[in-house]
Amino acid sequence: MPETRATAETALLRVDNLTKVFVSRTGLTRVRFLAVDRASFVLPTGQHEILTLAGESGSGKTTLARMILGMIEPSAGQLIFKNRDVLTLKDRERRDWFRREVQPVFQDPFATFNPLRRVDSYLHETAHNFRAGSNIERALTDVGLSLREIQGRYPNELSGGQLQRISIARALITSPSLLVADEPVSMLDGSLRMSIVNLFRELKGRQSVIYITHDLATAYYASDRVAIMLRGWIVEFGPVRRVLGEPLHPYTQLLKASVLEPTPRAAKQAVPVSLSVSDESVYQQSGCRFADRCPRVMDICRSIEPANVLVDDRLVKCHLYSQPADEAPAASDGVLSANVGGV
């Protein structure tokens, strides 16, 4: 996917054709499973932003995040951070430099902390490992807490929102340039979600954030740009107001249509399409990986992989936009309705 906002020389992070292949075995049969397929994007340096990776379960967004964090090794591609090839770093460089610069925030705050261990011990441990002892109080202040509030307390004595704030504070102790937050609000109730999302918006003043979610509402509210993922591909990428406000890819349109509205409007013409199919065979099929579910599928979609096409400030991986306008089918007059599973 072409770069749209920064060159390699000015990039904080450059993800270039990053690919992850898993192999599953059934008896004597080995099947290659492309969990992430040639993902590419650039985060600029000196211009902090929140970039969201969005999609249903099984789209590859968490696998991509784990490759960026160095938790799993890519099968192919490049990962360049501050002009250094992360995949060639020695273990000590990864530990002492990269992990200081790039910090994770995980999904479940209750699983992050051992219930038999005081939560402040995690902060002191991180500060000790990265020689950043003076940063603990500052990091807690940044998330709206203080050391006095949490000192000596166990996880069960704190709310889910407080625990997630402590998890974020732990990540901030090293003064990272990039936070990678994997579904950071999905385990919280609605009253707490927006407080955490607003916190990320405030933190954007100091570092960039890669925000992974299936929740399009928080993605729209918090993000500057969004990458919509489908079965390992990035199928639409660009400014969040354009991608989610006026989606072009049929999959993005279906995702948007699946979001419940406070005052639902009657659909002129409903086209029921399931978004929950995740059979491994789909990842190996020829052509477009959405062809079996797309309401605007064409013959070419079943045999040839679509190219990435630049349309209205965003990249779209769809044959609808790579052929002459007079050959492309007209958009449906009705509202696409979706049966979403795992989103």
Protein backbone atom coordinates (compact mmCIF):
# COMPACT_ATOMS: atom_id res chain seq x y z
CA MET A 1 0.00 0.00 0.00
CA PRO A 2 1.55 3.34 -1.00
CA GLU A 3 2.64 5.81 1.65
CA THR A 4 0.38 8.82 1.98
CA ARG A 5 1.71 11.07 4.76
CA ALA A 6 5.42 10.64 5.35
CA THR A 7 8.53 9.44 3.63
CA ALA A 8 10.87 6.89 5.16
CA GLU A 9 13.24 9.68 6.19
CA THR A 10 10.57 11.51 8.23
CA ALA A 11 8.76 8.46 9.60
CA LEU A 12 8.43 7.56 13.26
CA LEU A 13 7.22 4.11 12.20
CA ARG A 14 7.19 2.56 8.77
CA VAL A 15 5.35 -0.72 8.26
CA ASP A 16 6.28 -2.05 4.83
CA ASN A 17 4.53 -5.14 3.42
CA LEU A 18 4.44 -6.76 6.86
CA THR A 19 3.15 -10.32 6.61
CA LYS A 20 2.45 -13.10 9.09
CA VAL A 21 1.83 -16.66 8.00
CA PHE A 22 0.59 -19.27 10.45
CA VAL A 23 0.61 -22.95 9.54
CA SER A 24 -2.19 -25.24 10.70
CA ARG A 25 -2.02 -29.01 10.49
CA THR A 26 -4.85 -31.45 9.88
CA GLY A 27 -3.42 -34.95 9.82
CA LEU A 28 -0.67 -34.88 7.21
CA THR A 29 -2.00 -31.71 5.58
CA ARG A 30 -0.34 -28.35 6.23
CA VAL A 31 -2.34 -25.21 5.47
CA ARG A 32 -0.75 -21.76 5.26
CA PHE A 33 -2.89 -19.12 6.93
CA LEU A 34 -2.15 -15.48 6.00
CA ALA A 35 -3.18 -13.68 9.18
CA VAL A 36 -1.66 -10.40 7.94
CA ASP A 37 -0.94 -9.95 4.25
CA ARG A 38 1.44 -7.15 3.12
CA ALA A 39 0.23 -4.47 5.53
CA SER A 40 1.84 -1.07 4.94
CA PHE A 41 1.48 2.35 6.52
CA VAL A 42 3.59 5.19 7.89
CA LEU A 43 3.37 7.20 11.10
CA PRO A 44 5.11 10.58 10.72
CA THR A 45 7.57 11.89 13.25
CA GLY A 46 6.98 15.27 14.89
CA GLN A 47 3.26 15.07 14.11
CA HIS A 48 1.51 12.98 16.74
CA GLU A 49 -1.68 11.18 15.79
CA ILE A 50 -4.00 8.35 16.71
CA LEU A 51 -4.08 5.70 13.98
CA THR A 52 -6.81 3.10 14.41
CA LEU A 53 -6.72 -0.47 13.12
CA ALA A 54 -10.37 -1.53 12.92
CA GLY A 55 -12.18 -4.64 11.79
CA GLU A 56 -14.10 -7.65 12.98
CA SER A 57 -12.55 -10.52 14.94
CA GLY A 58 -10.09 -12.45 12.77
CA SER A 59 -9.26 -9.48 10.56
CA GLY A 60 -5.59 -9.48 11.61
CA LYS A 61 -5.47 -6.24 13.58
CA THR A 62 -4.17 -7.78 16.83
CA THR A 63 -1.62 -9.90 14.97
CA LEU A 64 -0.36 -6.75 13.23
CA ALA A 65 -0.13 -4.96 16.59
CA ARG A 66 1.83 -7.83 18.11
CA MET A 67 4.32 -7.74 15.24
CA ILE A 68 4.79 -4.01 15.77
CA LEU A 69 5.41 -4.64 19.47
CA GLY A 70 7.94 -7.38 18.72
CA MET A 71 5.84 -10.05 20.44
CA ILE A 72 5.75 -12.23 17.32
CA GLU A 73 8.14 -12.34 14.37
CA PRO A 74 6.84 -11.37 10.91
CA SER A 75 7.10 -13.89 8.10
CA ALA A 76 8.04 -11.14 5.63
CA GLY A 77 8.25 -7.39 5.27
CA GLN A 78 10.00 -4.55 7.08
CA LEU A 79 9.39 -2.70 10.33
CA ILE A 80 11.36 0.54 10.54
CA PHE A 81 11.22 2.63 13.72
CA LYS A 82 13.13 5.92 13.85
CA ASN A 83 15.12 4.84 10.78
CA ARG A 84 16.23 1.57 12.41
CA ASP A 85 15.23 -1.88 11.20
CA VAL A 86 13.49 -3.39 14.23
CA LEU A 87 13.70 -6.93 12.84
CA THR A 88 17.52 -6.83 12.84
CA LEU A 89 17.94 -5.40 16.35
CA LYS A 90 19.88 -7.50 18.84
CA ASP A 91 18.07 -8.70 21.95
CA ARG A 92 19.73 -6.08 24.15
CA GLU A 93 18.79 -3.27 21.75
CA ARG A 94 15.19 -4.44 21.70
CA ARG A 95 15.10 -4.59 25.47
CA ASP A 96 16.92 -1.36 26.28
CA TRP A 97 15.85 0.88 23.39
CA PHE A 98 12.85 -0.39 21.42
CA ARG A 99 10.77 -1.47 24.42
CA ARG A 100 11.40 1.87 26.04
CA GLU A 101 10.23 3.68 22.91
CA VAL A 102 7.20 1.51 22.07
CA GLN A 103 4.91 0.48 24.91
CA PRO A 104 1.76 -1.68 24.93
CA VAL A 105 -1.61 -1.22 26.61
CA PHE A 106 -3.49 -4.50 26.69
CA GLN A 107 -7.17 -5.32 26.50
CA ASP A 108 -8.04 -6.74 29.91
CA PRO A 109 -6.84 -4.73 32.93
CA PHE A 110 -7.91 -7.55 35.26
CA ALA A 111 -5.60 -10.00 33.45
CA THR A 112 -2.73 -7.51 33.38
CA PHE A 113 -2.27 -7.52 37.16
CA ASN A 114 -1.69 -10.51 39.45
CA PRO A 115 -4.50 -10.45 42.05
CA LEU A 116 -1.98 -11.39 44.78
CA ARG A 117 0.40 -8.55 44.00
CA ARG A 118 0.06 -4.85 44.86
CA VAL A 119 -0.46 -2.75 41.76
CA ASP A 120 2.15 -0.13 42.65
CA SER A 121 4.84 -2.83 42.56
CA TYR A 122 4.36 -3.05 38.79
CA LEU A 123 5.11 0.64 38.43
CA HIS A 124 8.24 0.42 40.59
CA GLU A 125 9.40 -2.65 38.64
CA THR A 126 9.02 -0.89 35.29
CA ALA A 127 10.76 2.23 36.60
CA HIS A 128 13.64 0.11 37.92
CA ASN A 129 14.05 -1.88 34.70
CA PHE A 130 14.22 1.29 32.59
CA ARG A 131 15.96 3.50 35.18
CA ALA A 132 13.00 5.87 35.27
CA GLY A 133 12.13 6.00 38.96
CA SER A 134 11.33 9.70 38.95
CA ASN A 135 8.63 9.22 36.30
CA ILE A 136 6.12 7.23 38.38
CA GLU A 137 4.28 10.15 39.94
CA ARG A 138 4.27 12.08 36.65
CA ALA A 139 2.84 9.09 34.76
CA LEU A 140 0.08 8.63 37.33
CA THR A 141 -0.73 12.34 37.21
CA ASP A 142 -1.05 12.09 33.43
CA VAL A 143 -3.81 9.50 33.82
CA GLY A 144 -5.61 11.33 36.62
CA LEU A 145 -4.30 9.32 39.57
CA SER A 146 -1.67 9.68 42.30
CA LEU A 147 0.70 7.25 43.98
CA ARG A 148 -1.01 7.93 47.29
CA GLU A 149 -4.34 6.68 45.89
CA ILE A 150 -3.03 3.30 44.75
CA GLN A 151 -0.08 2.54 47.00
CA GLY A 152 -0.40 -0.78 48.80
CA ARG A 153 -3.66 -1.67 47.09
CA TYR A 154 -4.50 -4.92 45.30
CA PRO A 155 -6.31 -5.17 41.93
CA ASN A 156 -9.61 -6.25 43.53
CA GLU A 157 -9.64 -3.00 45.51
CA LEU A 158 -9.75 -0.91 42.33
CA SER A 159 -12.28 -0.48 39.53
CA GLY A 160 -11.69 -1.63 35.96
CA GLY A 161 -11.28 1.98 34.87
CA GLN A 162 -8.68 2.64 37.57
CA LEU A 163 -6.77 -0.51 36.64
CA GLN A 164 -6.71 0.45 32.97
CA ARG A 165 -5.43 3.92 33.89
CA ILE A 166 -2.67 2.32 35.96
CA SER A 167 -1.84 0.07 33.00
CA ILE A 168 -1.52 3.17 30.80
CA ALA A 169 0.56 4.93 33.47
CA ARG A 170 2.90 1.94 33.54
CA ALA A 171 3.39 2.31 29.78
CA LEU A 172 4.07 6.06 30.16
CA ILE A 173 6.86 5.62 32.73
CA THR A 174 9.44 5.05 29.97
CA SER A 175 8.33 8.22 28.09
CA PRO A 176 7.59 6.24 24.91
CA SER A 177 7.27 7.73 21.44
CA LEU A 178 4.50 5.28 20.52
CA LEU A 179 1.71 3.55 22.44
CA VAL A 180 0.08 0.44 20.97
CA ALA A 181 -3.32 -0.01 22.63
CA ASP A 182 -5.08 -3.29 21.81
CA GLU A 183 -8.83 -3.04 22.49
CA PRO A 184 -8.15 -0.94 25.63
CA VAL A 185 -11.82 -0.20 26.37
CA SER A 186 -13.57 -3.39 25.30
CA MET A 187 -13.56 -4.86 28.84
CA LEU A 188 -14.93 -1.69 30.44
CA ASP A 189 -18.56 -0.69 30.82
CA GLY A 190 -19.97 2.17 28.80
CA SER A 191 -19.64 4.75 31.56
CA LEU A 192 -15.86 4.26 31.67
CA ARG A 193 -15.04 3.81 27.99
CA MET A 194 -15.14 7.45 26.99
CA SER A 195 -12.94 8.49 29.90
CA ILE A 196 -10.19 6.17 28.64
CA VAL A 197 -10.69 7.24 25.02
CA ASN A 198 -10.47 10.89 26.08
CA LEU A 199 -7.28 10.06 27.94
CA PHE A 200 -5.69 8.77 24.72
CA ARG A 201 -6.71 11.97 22.96
CA GLU A 202 -4.95 13.98 25.67
CA LEU A 203 -1.84 11.79 25.51
CA LYS A 204 -1.61 12.41 21.74
CA GLY A 205 0.01 15.71 22.60
CA ARG A 206 3.19 13.83 23.54
CA GLN A 207 3.21 10.56 21.61
CA SER A 208 1.47 8.82 18.75
CA VAL A 209 -1.00 6.03 19.43
CA ILE A 210 -1.94 2.93 17.45
CA TYR A 211 -5.44 2.12 18.65
CA ILE A 212 -6.88 -1.33 17.87
CA THR A 213 -10.64 -1.72 18.08
CA HIS A 214 -13.79 -3.24 16.61
CA ASP A 215 -15.81 -0.29 17.93
CA LEU A 216 -16.32 2.16 15.06
CA ALA A 217 -17.89 4.76 17.34
CA THR A 218 -14.75 5.17 19.47
CA ALA A 219 -12.59 4.91 16.35
CA TYR A 220 -14.46 7.81 14.76
CA TYR A 221 -14.30 9.89 17.93
CA ALA A 222 -10.64 9.32 18.80
CA SER A 223 -8.76 8.76 15.54
CA ASP A 224 -7.02 10.93 13.01
CA ARG A 225 -6.68 8.12 10.47
CA VAL A 226 -8.13 4.63 10.29
CA ALA A 227 -7.13 1.40 8.55
CA ILE A 228 -10.01 -1.02 7.97
CA MET A 229 -8.78 -4.62 8.02
CA LEU A 230 -10.43 -7.65 6.45
CA ARG A 231 -8.95 -11.16 6.56
CA GLY A 232 -5.38 -9.92 6.74
CA TRP A 233 -5.74 -7.07 4.22
CA ILE A 234 -6.01 -3.35 4.79
CA VAL A 235 -8.97 -2.67 2.50
CA GLU A 236 -9.53 1.05 3.18
CA PHE A 237 -7.12 3.55 4.72
CA GLY A 238 -7.26 7.29 5.20
CA PRO A 239 -8.61 10.17 7.30
CA VAL A 240 -11.20 8.82 9.73
CA ARG A 241 -13.85 11.41 8.78
CA ARG A 242 -13.62 10.30 5.14
CA VAL A 243 -13.32 6.55 5.67
CA LEU A 244 -16.07 6.20 8.28
CA GLY A 245 -18.11 9.22 7.25
CA GLU A 246 -18.27 8.31 3.55
CA PRO A 247 -16.96 4.74 3.21
CA LEU A 248 -16.09 3.47 -0.24
CA HIS A 249 -15.22 -0.19 0.23
CA PRO A 250 -18.34 -2.41 0.48
CA TYR A 251 -16.91 -4.02 3.63
CA THR A 252 -16.46 -0.64 5.34
CA GLN A 253 -19.99 0.29 4.28
CA LEU A 254 -21.32 -2.89 5.87
CA LEU A 255 -19.37 -2.30 9.07
CA LYS A 256 -20.82 1.19 9.32
CA ALA A 257 -24.33 -0.10 8.58
CA SER A 258 -23.97 -2.64 11.41
CA VAL A 259 -23.56 0.09 14.04
CA LEU A 260 -26.81 0.54 15.93
CA GLU A 261 -28.31 4.01 15.66
CA PRO A 262 -30.19 5.75 18.49
CA THR A 263 -33.12 6.32 16.12
CA PRO A 264 -33.01 3.61 13.46
CA ARG A 265 -34.37 4.60 10.09
CA ALA A 266 -36.35 2.21 7.97
CA ALA A 267 -34.21 0.71 5.25
CA LYS A 268 -35.44 1.23 1.70
CA GLN A 269 -33.97 -2.06 0.60
CA ALA A 270 -32.17 -4.33 3.01
CA VAL A 271 -29.37 -6.53 1.67
CA PRO A 272 -28.58 -9.03 4.45
CA VAL A 273 -24.90 -9.96 4.47
CA SER A 274 -23.06 -11.92 7.15
CA LEU A 275 -19.79 -10.48 8.42
CA SER A 276 -18.98 -13.40 10.68
CA VAL A 277 -17.58 -15.98 8.24
CA SER A 278 -13.97 -16.83 9.14
CA ASP A 279 -13.30 -20.17 7.44
CA GLU A 280 -9.55 -20.58 6.87
CA SER A 281 -10.17 -21.51 3.22
CA VAL A 282 -11.34 -17.94 2.55
CA TYR A 283 -7.80 -16.67 3.26
CA GLN A 284 -6.42 -18.86 0.47
CA GLN A 285 -9.07 -18.16 -2.17
CA SER A 286 -8.23 -16.35 -5.39
CA GLY A 287 -9.42 -12.84 -6.01
CA CYS A 288 -10.98 -10.64 -3.36
CA ARG A 289 -11.41 -12.09 0.13
CA PHE A 290 -14.76 -10.32 0.46
CA ALA A 291 -16.17 -11.66 -2.81
CA ASP A 292 -18.23 -14.38 -1.14
CA ARG A 293 -20.07 -11.81 1.00
CA CYS A 294 -19.99 -8.63 -1.08
CA PRO A 295 -23.36 -7.30 -2.30
CA ARG A 296 -21.61 -5.66 -5.30
CA VAL A 297 -19.44 -8.59 -6.37
CA MET A 298 -18.36 -8.83 -10.02
CA ASP A 299 -16.82 -11.70 -11.99
CA ILE A 300 -13.34 -10.17 -11.73
CA CYS A 301 -13.60 -10.17 -7.93
CA ARG A 302 -13.57 -13.99 -7.79
CA SER A 303 -10.36 -14.45 -9.75
CA ILE A 304 -8.07 -11.40 -9.47
CA GLU A 305 -6.83 -9.69 -6.32
CA PRO A 306 -7.81 -5.99 -6.33
CA ALA A 307 -5.14 -3.32 -6.36
CA ASN A 308 -4.82 -0.45 -3.88
CA VAL A 309 -6.37 2.60 -5.53
CA LEU A 310 -6.12 6.19 -4.30
CA VAL A 311 -9.63 7.69 -4.24
CA ASP A 312 -10.65 10.90 -2.45
CA ASP A 313 -7.73 11.03 -0.01
CA ARG A 314 -7.93 7.38 0.94
CA LEU A 315 -6.62 4.06 -0.35
CA VAL A 316 -9.21 1.45 -1.31
CA LYS A 317 -8.52 -2.18 -2.19
CA CYS A 318 -11.49 -2.81 -4.47
CA HIS A 319 -12.15 -3.51 -8.15
CA LEU A 320 -15.03 -1.02 -8.12
CA TYR A 321 -12.49 1.80 -8.20
CA SER A 322 -9.87 0.29 -10.49
CA GLN A 323 -12.04 -0.03 -13.60
CA PRO A 324 -13.55 2.64 -15.88
CA ALA A 325 -16.42 4.48 -14.24
CA ASP A 326 -18.93 3.48 -16.93
CA GLU A 327 -18.25 -0.22 -16.19
CA ALA A 328 -18.61 0.00 -12.43
CA PRO A 329 -22.03 -0.93 -11.03
CA ALA A 330 -24.04 1.81 -9.40
CA ALA A 331 -24.22 1.97 -5.62
CA SER A 332 -27.26 0.38 -4.02
CA ASP A 333 -30.15 2.77 -3.36
CA GLY A 334 -31.01 0.91 -0.17
CA VAL A 335 -29.33 0.59 3.19
CA LEU A 336 -27.02 -2.37 3.61
CA SER A 337 -27.94 -4.39 6.68
CA ALA A 338 -25.36 -6.65 8.27
CA ASN A 339 -25.45 -9.61 10.60
CA VAL A 340 -22.22 -9.04 12.52
CA GLY A 341 -20.51 -11.79 14.43
CA GLY A 342 -17.48 -11.09 16.64
CA VAL A 343 -17.39 -7.39 15.82
